[in-house]
């Protein structure tokens, strides 16, 4: 509840600031001012209203309201950032002029402008800044929507694992994370992901959590598209933090009914007799907060042969500490969205050790690949953090 209260307060403050800069300061004609004020109020209230009713609604009851509400959230972010930057420039310029202005004599060239002239200048500048910010934020939003909804990349990364059997050299893993089927994304989007993933012809598919934002009754029929995933060794899944917001227990059972292998502190052998490696799945840290089974790497690797290669599937990059203790050659994670909206990546790095791509964990032989995610959360936008279905091709050392 505290998070919701803070979130709604920030939305209110941001939209109040937008009204001041876009409506009050621009001195729009009365009719234009009224229309702009009503639009800002409607856009600002759409997301809080959606949050209040989403728990009791089917996703399909308000798809366009969902899209408008979450799109405005992203546009608001960039509008506020741009207008704050303009305010900072204007304030700096005013301070410089004031510090350089000599004591003005009445009527001299440096005398202050008349009130009417000064007001005209302020309105002109305010309208120029407002118009420029609206155009820039709209362009960023359009670019971000295309990157989030249509331009899903399929980067291929080669990973050397010394203990991988030679017979498995070239083994391919398709990694999907952070799809977030829910208020905005539905079965059509998931069907597109499935088709793209199958086209890669991976040996194995893994889903690294945050698949859903909603309950099984709400969106289960959309998620059922996952039954069409195709790979030689099957599809494996671990929970992310959003599964625990949505009811992880029912989702685990539902996914298993689709033929997906859900790994909760469990280990399986991938490959054939004489040529295989271990895959371990850890639940998200959030499990312990709701009374579910917490991540326990010692339980997951109990009794395994340490000479075999080990790959850990865990939602958050910070779980790399568990994988490193277990001597894993590779961890597969998501959670960060690669920042999703620039410059949020810098904030993400404050709480997660890795943002996106392949890394070697400091002081260990454990590598980690962090996906930027295949869907999105919140605004239907990705700015300088394109969505991806990652293909990891393993090679023996």
Protein backbone atom coordinates (compact mmCIF):
# COMPACT_ATOMS: atom_id res chain seq x y z
CA UNK A 1 0.00 0.00 0.00
CA UNK A 2 2.88 2.37 0.73
CA UNK A 3 4.28 1.82 -2.77
CA UNK A 4 0.88 2.53 -4.34
CA UNK A 5 0.45 5.70 -2.26
CA UNK A 6 3.90 7.00 -3.21
CA UNK A 7 3.38 6.07 -6.86
CA UNK A 8 0.04 7.87 -7.08
CA UNK A 9 1.45 10.91 -5.31
CA UNK A 10 4.28 11.12 -7.84
CA UNK A 11 1.79 10.87 -10.71
CA UNK A 12 -0.24 13.71 -9.21
CA UNK A 13 2.83 15.92 -8.71
CA UNK A 14 4.15 15.21 -12.22
CA UNK A 15 0.85 16.10 -13.87
CA UNK A 16 0.49 19.21 -11.73
CA UNK A 17 3.90 20.30 -12.97
CA UNK A 18 2.88 19.59 -16.57
CA UNK A 19 -0.22 21.74 -16.14
CA UNK A 20 1.88 24.62 -14.81
CA UNK A 21 4.32 24.47 -17.73
CA UNK A 22 1.99 23.52 -20.58
CA UNK A 23 -1.16 25.43 -19.65
CA UNK A 24 -0.62 28.15 -17.07
CA UNK A 25 2.74 29.46 -18.31
CA UNK A 26 1.76 29.39 -21.99
CA UNK A 27 -1.27 31.64 -21.39
CA UNK A 28 -3.47 29.72 -23.78
CA UNK A 29 -6.80 31.23 -24.84
CA UNK A 30 -9.57 30.38 -22.39
CA UNK A 31 -11.09 27.61 -24.50
CA UNK A 32 -7.69 26.06 -25.23
CA UNK A 33 -6.73 26.28 -21.58
CA UNK A 34 -9.94 24.52 -20.51
CA UNK A 35 -9.50 21.72 -23.06
CA UNK A 36 -5.85 21.18 -22.13
CA UNK A 37 -6.68 21.14 -18.43
CA UNK A 38 -9.44 18.56 -18.90
CA UNK A 39 -7.18 16.35 -21.03
CA UNK A 40 -4.38 16.41 -18.43
CA UNK A 41 -6.87 15.54 -15.67
CA UNK A 42 -8.32 12.66 -17.72
CA UNK A 43 -4.90 11.27 -18.65
CA UNK A 44 -3.58 11.67 -15.11
CA UNK A 45 -6.57 9.91 -13.55
CA UNK A 46 -6.73 7.06 -16.08
CA UNK A 47 -3.88 5.04 -14.56
CA UNK A 48 -5.01 5.29 -10.90
CA UNK A 49 -8.53 4.28 -11.97
CA UNK A 50 -7.15 1.37 -13.96
CA UNK A 51 -5.13 0.20 -10.96
CA UNK A 52 -8.26 0.24 -8.81
CA UNK A 53 -10.41 -1.82 -11.17
CA UNK A 54 -7.81 -4.15 -12.76
CA UNK A 55 -8.03 -6.75 -9.99
CA UNK A 56 -11.70 -7.37 -10.75
CA UNK A 57 -11.67 -6.99 -14.52
CA UNK A 58 -10.82 -9.20 -17.42
CA UNK A 59 -8.01 -7.74 -19.50
CA UNK A 60 -10.26 -7.51 -22.55
CA UNK A 61 -12.73 -5.18 -20.83
CA UNK A 62 -10.62 -2.08 -21.35
CA UNK A 63 -7.68 -2.65 -23.71
CA UNK A 64 -7.73 0.88 -25.13
CA UNK A 65 -8.03 2.49 -21.70
CA UNK A 66 -5.06 0.36 -20.63
CA UNK A 67 -3.00 1.53 -23.60
CA UNK A 68 -3.81 5.22 -23.11
CA UNK A 69 -3.16 5.10 -19.37
CA UNK A 70 0.22 3.41 -19.59
CA UNK A 71 1.28 5.40 -22.67
CA UNK A 72 0.60 8.65 -20.83
CA UNK A 73 2.80 7.41 -17.98
CA UNK A 74 5.74 7.13 -20.39
CA UNK A 75 4.99 10.43 -22.13
CA UNK A 76 4.68 12.12 -18.72
CA UNK A 77 8.13 10.88 -17.73
CA UNK A 78 9.82 12.33 -20.80
CA UNK A 79 7.80 15.55 -20.73
CA UNK A 80 8.79 16.17 -17.11
CA UNK A 81 12.45 15.38 -17.86
CA UNK A 82 12.53 17.72 -20.87
CA UNK A 83 10.70 20.56 -19.13
CA UNK A 84 12.90 20.27 -16.04
CA UNK A 85 15.96 20.44 -18.28
CA UNK A 86 14.53 23.56 -19.96
CA UNK A 87 13.82 25.10 -16.54
CA UNK A 88 17.40 24.42 -15.48
CA UNK A 89 18.77 26.08 -18.64
CA UNK A 90 16.52 29.11 -18.21
CA UNK A 91 17.44 29.46 -14.54
CA UNK A 92 21.14 29.21 -15.35
CA UNK A 93 20.81 31.78 -18.13
CA UNK A 94 18.98 34.17 -15.80
CA UNK A 95 21.68 33.83 -13.13
CA UNK A 96 24.43 34.51 -15.68
CA UNK A 97 22.66 37.60 -17.01
CA UNK A 98 22.03 38.88 -13.53
CA UNK A 99 25.65 38.42 -12.47
CA UNK A 100 26.95 40.19 -15.59
CA UNK A 101 24.46 43.07 -15.66
CA UNK A 102 25.96 46.36 -14.42
CA UNK A 103 23.94 48.69 -12.28
CA UNK A 104 21.43 50.00 -14.78
CA UNK A 105 20.56 53.64 -15.02
CA UNK A 106 17.02 54.62 -15.60
CA UNK A 107 16.30 54.57 -19.28
CA UNK A 108 19.75 53.15 -20.18
CA UNK A 109 20.32 50.21 -22.54
CA UNK A 110 20.54 47.83 -19.58
CA UNK A 111 17.37 48.99 -17.92
CA UNK A 112 14.84 46.26 -17.19
CA UNK A 113 12.24 45.68 -19.88
CA UNK A 114 8.78 47.09 -19.35
CA UNK A 115 6.38 44.70 -17.58
CA UNK A 116 4.25 44.15 -20.69
CA UNK A 117 7.30 43.48 -22.85
CA UNK A 118 8.77 41.11 -20.26
CA UNK A 119 5.49 39.22 -19.99
CA UNK A 120 5.26 38.87 -23.78
CA UNK A 121 8.79 37.50 -23.86
CA UNK A 122 8.06 35.01 -21.04
CA UNK A 123 4.94 33.71 -22.79
CA UNK A 124 6.79 33.39 -26.10
CA UNK A 125 9.59 31.38 -24.47
CA UNK A 126 7.10 29.25 -22.47
CA UNK A 127 5.16 28.36 -25.62
CA UNK A 128 8.32 27.52 -27.52
CA UNK A 129 9.59 25.28 -24.72
CA UNK A 130 6.19 23.61 -24.29
CA UNK A 131 5.82 22.97 -28.01
CA UNK A 132 9.34 21.62 -28.32
CA UNK A 133 8.89 19.34 -25.29
CA UNK A 134 5.60 17.98 -26.65
CA UNK A 135 7.14 17.23 -30.05
CA UNK A 136 10.24 15.63 -28.54
CA UNK A 137 8.29 13.52 -26.01
CA UNK A 138 5.87 12.42 -28.73
CA UNK A 139 8.75 11.38 -30.98
CA UNK A 140 10.46 9.48 -28.18
CA UNK A 141 7.17 7.79 -27.32
CA UNK A 142 6.54 6.70 -30.92
CA UNK A 143 10.10 5.39 -31.25
CA UNK A 144 9.78 3.57 -27.91
CA UNK A 145 6.46 1.96 -28.82
CA UNK A 146 7.86 0.56 -32.04
CA UNK A 147 10.84 -0.89 -30.17
CA UNK A 148 8.57 -2.46 -27.55
CA UNK A 149 5.76 -3.85 -29.68
CA UNK A 150 7.21 -4.73 -33.09
CA UNK A 151 11.01 -4.64 -33.30
CA UNK A 152 11.89 -7.61 -31.11
CA UNK A 153 15.55 -8.47 -31.62
CA UNK A 154 17.12 -11.94 -31.58
CA UNK A 155 20.76 -11.44 -30.56
CA UNK A 156 23.01 -14.51 -30.63
CA UNK A 157 25.74 -14.82 -28.00
CA UNK A 158 28.47 -17.46 -27.86
CA UNK A 159 29.32 -18.75 -24.39
CA UNK A 160 32.34 -20.94 -23.66
CA UNK A 161 31.75 -23.46 -20.86
CA UNK A 162 34.86 -25.54 -20.00
CA UNK A 163 32.94 -28.50 -18.56
CA UNK A 164 30.46 -28.79 -21.42
CA UNK A 165 30.78 -32.16 -23.20
CA UNK A 166 32.21 -31.91 -26.71
CA UNK A 167 29.17 -33.70 -28.03
CA UNK A 168 27.05 -30.70 -26.96
CA UNK A 169 29.25 -28.12 -28.65
CA UNK A 170 26.90 -25.66 -30.39
CA UNK A 171 23.98 -26.41 -28.02
CA UNK A 172 21.52 -23.51 -28.29
CA UNK A 173 19.29 -22.01 -25.61
CA UNK A 174 16.52 -19.50 -26.35
CA UNK A 175 16.02 -17.20 -23.36
CA UNK A 176 12.80 -15.23 -22.87
CA UNK A 177 12.16 -13.13 -19.78
CA UNK A 178 9.91 -10.35 -18.50
CA UNK A 179 7.11 -10.83 -21.01
CA UNK A 180 4.44 -9.38 -18.68
CA UNK A 181 1.25 -10.67 -20.25
CA UNK A 182 -1.48 -8.61 -18.57
CA UNK A 183 -3.13 -5.22 -18.99
CA UNK A 184 -1.43 -4.46 -22.32
CA UNK A 185 0.10 -7.59 -23.82
CA UNK A 186 -2.10 -10.55 -24.74
CA UNK A 187 -2.08 -13.86 -26.54
CA UNK A 188 -1.43 -12.25 -29.94
CA UNK A 189 1.84 -10.79 -28.71
CA UNK A 190 2.79 -14.06 -27.03
CA UNK A 191 1.96 -16.00 -30.19
CA UNK A 192 4.36 -13.74 -32.09
CA UNK A 193 7.09 -14.44 -29.51
CA UNK A 194 6.47 -18.18 -29.76
CA UNK A 195 6.72 -18.09 -33.55
CA UNK A 196 9.95 -16.08 -33.44
CA UNK A 197 11.41 -18.39 -30.83
CA UNK A 198 10.52 -21.55 -32.73
CA UNK A 199 12.06 -20.05 -35.89
CA UNK A 200 15.42 -19.95 -34.08
CA UNK A 201 15.22 -23.77 -33.75
CA UNK A 202 16.76 -23.83 -30.25
CA UNK A 203 17.73 -27.04 -28.49
CA UNK A 204 16.11 -25.76 -25.30
CA UNK A 205 13.86 -22.86 -24.29
CA UNK A 206 13.99 -21.16 -20.89
CA UNK A 207 11.67 -18.49 -19.49
CA UNK A 208 13.28 -16.46 -16.73
CA UNK A 209 10.26 -15.16 -14.83
CA UNK A 210 7.89 -12.17 -14.84
CA UNK A 211 5.75 -13.87 -17.43
CA UNK A 212 2.42 -12.53 -16.12
CA UNK A 213 0.70 -9.55 -14.55
CA UNK A 214 -2.66 -11.00 -13.64
CA UNK A 215 -4.36 -14.13 -12.35
CA UNK A 216 -4.94 -17.40 -14.17
CA UNK A 217 -8.70 -16.70 -14.60
CA UNK A 218 -7.90 -13.27 -16.06
CA UNK A 219 -5.21 -14.11 -18.59
CA UNK A 220 -4.66 -17.88 -18.56
CA UNK A 221 -6.17 -18.27 -22.02
CA UNK A 222 -3.61 -15.82 -23.38
CA UNK A 223 -0.66 -17.53 -21.69
CA UNK A 224 -1.84 -20.88 -23.11
CA UNK A 225 -0.04 -19.90 -26.35
CA UNK A 226 3.10 -21.23 -24.67
CA UNK A 227 1.96 -24.78 -25.36
CA UNK A 228 3.18 -24.25 -28.93
CA UNK A 229 6.83 -23.78 -27.90
CA UNK A 230 9.06 -26.25 -29.78
CA UNK A 231 12.54 -27.42 -28.89
CA UNK A 232 14.38 -30.72 -28.60
CA UNK A 233 14.74 -30.67 -24.82
CA UNK A 234 11.61 -28.74 -23.83
CA UNK A 235 10.75 -25.47 -22.09
CA UNK A 236 11.81 -24.58 -18.52
CA UNK A 237 10.51 -21.81 -16.30
CA UNK A 238 11.38 -20.09 -13.02
CA UNK A 239 9.28 -17.60 -11.12
CA UNK A 240 9.99 -13.87 -11.07
CA UNK A 241 8.75 -11.38 -8.52
CA UNK A 242 5.62 -10.59 -10.56
CA UNK A 243 4.45 -14.20 -10.39
CA UNK A 244 4.15 -13.76 -6.62
CA UNK A 245 2.07 -10.61 -7.04
CA UNK A 246 -0.26 -12.54 -9.35
CA UNK A 247 -0.52 -15.79 -7.36
CA UNK A 248 2.45 -18.05 -8.06
CA UNK A 249 0.85 -21.32 -6.91
CA UNK A 250 -1.95 -21.40 -9.50
CA UNK A 251 0.43 -20.22 -12.21
CA UNK A 252 2.92 -22.99 -11.48
CA UNK A 253 0.18 -25.58 -11.84
CA UNK A 254 -1.19 -23.95 -14.98
CA UNK A 255 2.19 -23.80 -16.69
CA UNK A 256 2.88 -27.43 -15.84
CA UNK A 257 -0.45 -28.31 -17.45
CA UNK A 258 0.90 -26.76 -20.67
CA UNK A 259 3.89 -29.10 -20.60
CA UNK A 260 6.33 -26.50 -19.26
CA UNK A 261 8.87 -27.67 -16.67
CA UNK A 262 8.75 -25.34 -13.66
CA UNK A 263 11.94 -25.51 -11.59
CA UNK A 264 11.72 -24.39 -7.96
CA UNK A 265 15.03 -25.21 -6.27
CA UNK A 266 15.23 -28.20 -8.58
CA UNK A 267 17.83 -29.68 -10.89
CA UNK A 268 17.42 -31.60 -14.13
CA UNK A 269 19.88 -33.18 -16.55
CA UNK A 270 19.79 -31.80 -20.08
CA UNK A 271 21.18 -33.89 -22.92
CA UNK A 272 21.65 -37.56 -23.63
CA UNK A 273 23.44 -40.37 -21.84
CA UNK A 274 27.13 -39.52 -21.63
CA UNK A 275 26.70 -35.97 -22.91
CA UNK A 276 24.66 -33.74 -20.63
CA UNK A 277 24.80 -30.83 -18.21
CA UNK A 278 22.82 -29.78 -15.14
CA UNK A 279 20.14 -27.10 -15.24
CA UNK A 280 19.03 -25.61 -11.91
CA UNK A 281 16.06 -23.31 -11.42
CA UNK A 282 15.76 -20.96 -8.43
CA UNK A 283 12.60 -19.10 -7.40
CA UNK A 284 12.73 -15.34 -7.02
CA UNK A 285 13.72 -13.69 -3.74
CA UNK A 286 10.17 -12.37 -3.39
CA UNK A 287 8.90 -15.88 -2.66
CA UNK A 288 9.92 -15.63 0.99
CA UNK A 289 7.87 -12.46 1.48
CA UNK A 290 4.64 -14.27 0.67
CA UNK A 291 5.40 -17.50 2.51
CA UNK A 292 6.48 -19.48 -0.55
CA UNK A 293 9.67 -21.51 -0.92
CA UNK A 294 12.71 -19.23 -0.99
CA UNK A 295 15.70 -19.78 -3.28
CA UNK A 296 17.97 -22.49 -1.86
CA UNK A 297 20.93 -23.31 -4.06
CA UNK A 298 22.21 -25.96 -1.64
CA UNK A 299 18.94 -27.86 -1.98
CA UNK A 300 18.92 -27.51 -5.74
CA UNK A 301 22.45 -28.89 -6.28
CA UNK A 302 22.38 -31.55 -3.56
CA UNK A 303 24.03 -34.77 -4.76
CA UNK A 304 25.19 -33.45 -8.11
CA UNK A 305 28.57 -34.29 -9.65
CA UNK A 306 30.71 -31.10 -9.45
CA UNK A 307 32.61 -32.15 -12.57
CA UNK A 308 29.49 -31.65 -14.68
CA UNK A 309 28.69 -28.28 -16.20
CA UNK A 310 26.02 -26.34 -14.33
CA UNK A 311 23.67 -23.65 -15.68
CA UNK A 312 21.46 -21.72 -13.24
CA UNK A 313 18.19 -20.10 -14.25
CA UNK A 314 17.29 -17.31 -11.80
CA UNK A 315 15.18 -14.22 -12.39
CA UNK A 316 17.36 -11.52 -10.81
CA UNK A 317 21.03 -10.91 -11.67
CA UNK A 318 21.80 -10.37 -7.99
CA UNK A 319 21.24 -14.11 -7.52
CA UNK A 320 24.62 -14.59 -9.19
CA UNK A 321 26.07 -14.92 -5.70
CA UNK A 322 24.24 -18.23 -5.33
CA UNK A 323 25.33 -19.47 -8.73
CA UNK A 324 28.96 -18.56 -8.03
CA UNK A 325 28.92 -20.42 -4.69
CA UNK A 326 27.58 -23.48 -6.52
CA UNK A 327 30.36 -23.27 -9.10
CA UNK A 328 27.98 -22.68 -12.01
CA UNK A 329 29.46 -21.97 -15.39
CA UNK A 330 26.56 -19.75 -16.42
CA UNK A 331 23.53 -17.99 -14.96
CA UNK A 332 20.59 -16.85 -17.11
CA UNK A 333 18.56 -13.91 -15.78
CA UNK A 334 16.31 -10.99 -16.65
CA UNK A 335 14.45 -8.58 -14.35
CA UNK A 336 16.35 -5.42 -15.38
CA UNK A 337 14.63 -4.88 -18.77
CA UNK A 338 17.98 -3.38 -19.76
CA UNK A 339 16.66 -0.19 -18.16
CA UNK A 340 13.65 -0.16 -20.58
CA UNK A 341 13.38 3.64 -20.58
CA UNK A 342 16.61 5.60 -20.82
CA UNK A 343 18.11 6.66 -18.38
CA UNK A 344 16.58 4.16 -15.91
CA UNK A 345 19.46 1.76 -16.58
CA UNK A 346 21.68 3.88 -14.34
CA UNK A 347 19.20 3.50 -11.48
CA UNK A 348 18.90 -0.23 -12.08
CA UNK A 349 22.66 -0.63 -11.67
CA UNK A 350 22.32 0.70 -8.12
CA UNK A 351 20.48 -2.48 -7.07
CA UNK A 352 21.57 -5.06 -9.66
CA UNK A 353 25.20 -5.96 -10.45
CA UNK A 354 24.58 -6.42 -14.18
CA UNK A 355 22.23 -4.70 -16.62
CA UNK A 356 22.18 -6.47 -20.01
CA UNK A 357 24.40 -8.84 -21.96
CA UNK A 358 27.13 -11.33 -21.04
CA UNK A 359 29.47 -10.79 -18.08
CA UNK A 360 31.95 -12.77 -16.01
CA UNK A 361 31.19 -12.41 -12.31
CA UNK A 362 34.03 -10.67 -10.50
CA UNK A 363 36.59 -13.03 -8.98
CA UNK A 364 34.91 -16.21 -10.22
CA UNK A 365 34.63 -18.42 -13.31
CA UNK A 366 30.85 -17.96 -13.34
CA UNK A 367 29.38 -16.08 -16.30
CA UNK A 368 25.97 -14.44 -16.43
CA UNK A 369 23.76 -13.44 -19.32
CA UNK A 370 21.12 -10.81 -18.50
CA UNK A 371 18.28 -10.43 -20.97
CA UNK A 372 16.74 -7.03 -21.69
CA UNK A 373 13.39 -8.81 -21.65
CA UNK A 374 10.94 -9.84 -24.33
CA UNK A 375 8.00 -7.66 -23.26
CA UNK A 376 7.74 -4.59 -21.07
CA UNK A 377 6.24 -3.36 -17.83
CA UNK A 378 4.31 -0.12 -17.44
CA UNK A 379 4.60 2.19 -20.46
CA UNK A 380 4.43 0.30 -23.80
CA UNK A 381 7.82 1.74 -24.70
CA UNK A 382 11.49 0.81 -24.86
CA UNK A 383 14.02 3.58 -25.33
CA UNK A 384 17.62 2.49 -26.04
CA UNK A 385 16.82 -0.93 -24.55
CA UNK A 386 15.25 -3.06 -27.33
CA UNK A 387 13.20 -6.14 -26.52
CA UNK A 388 14.90 -9.44 -27.22
CA UNK A 389 14.66 -13.19 -27.53
CA UNK A 390 18.25 -14.11 -26.71
CA UNK A 391 19.86 -17.11 -28.34
CA UNK A 392 22.86 -18.46 -26.43
CA UNK A 393 25.07 -20.89 -28.29
CA UNK A 394 27.26 -22.94 -25.99
CA UNK A 395 30.69 -24.24 -26.86
CA UNK A 396 33.01 -26.57 -24.98
CA UNK A 397 36.23 -25.12 -23.57
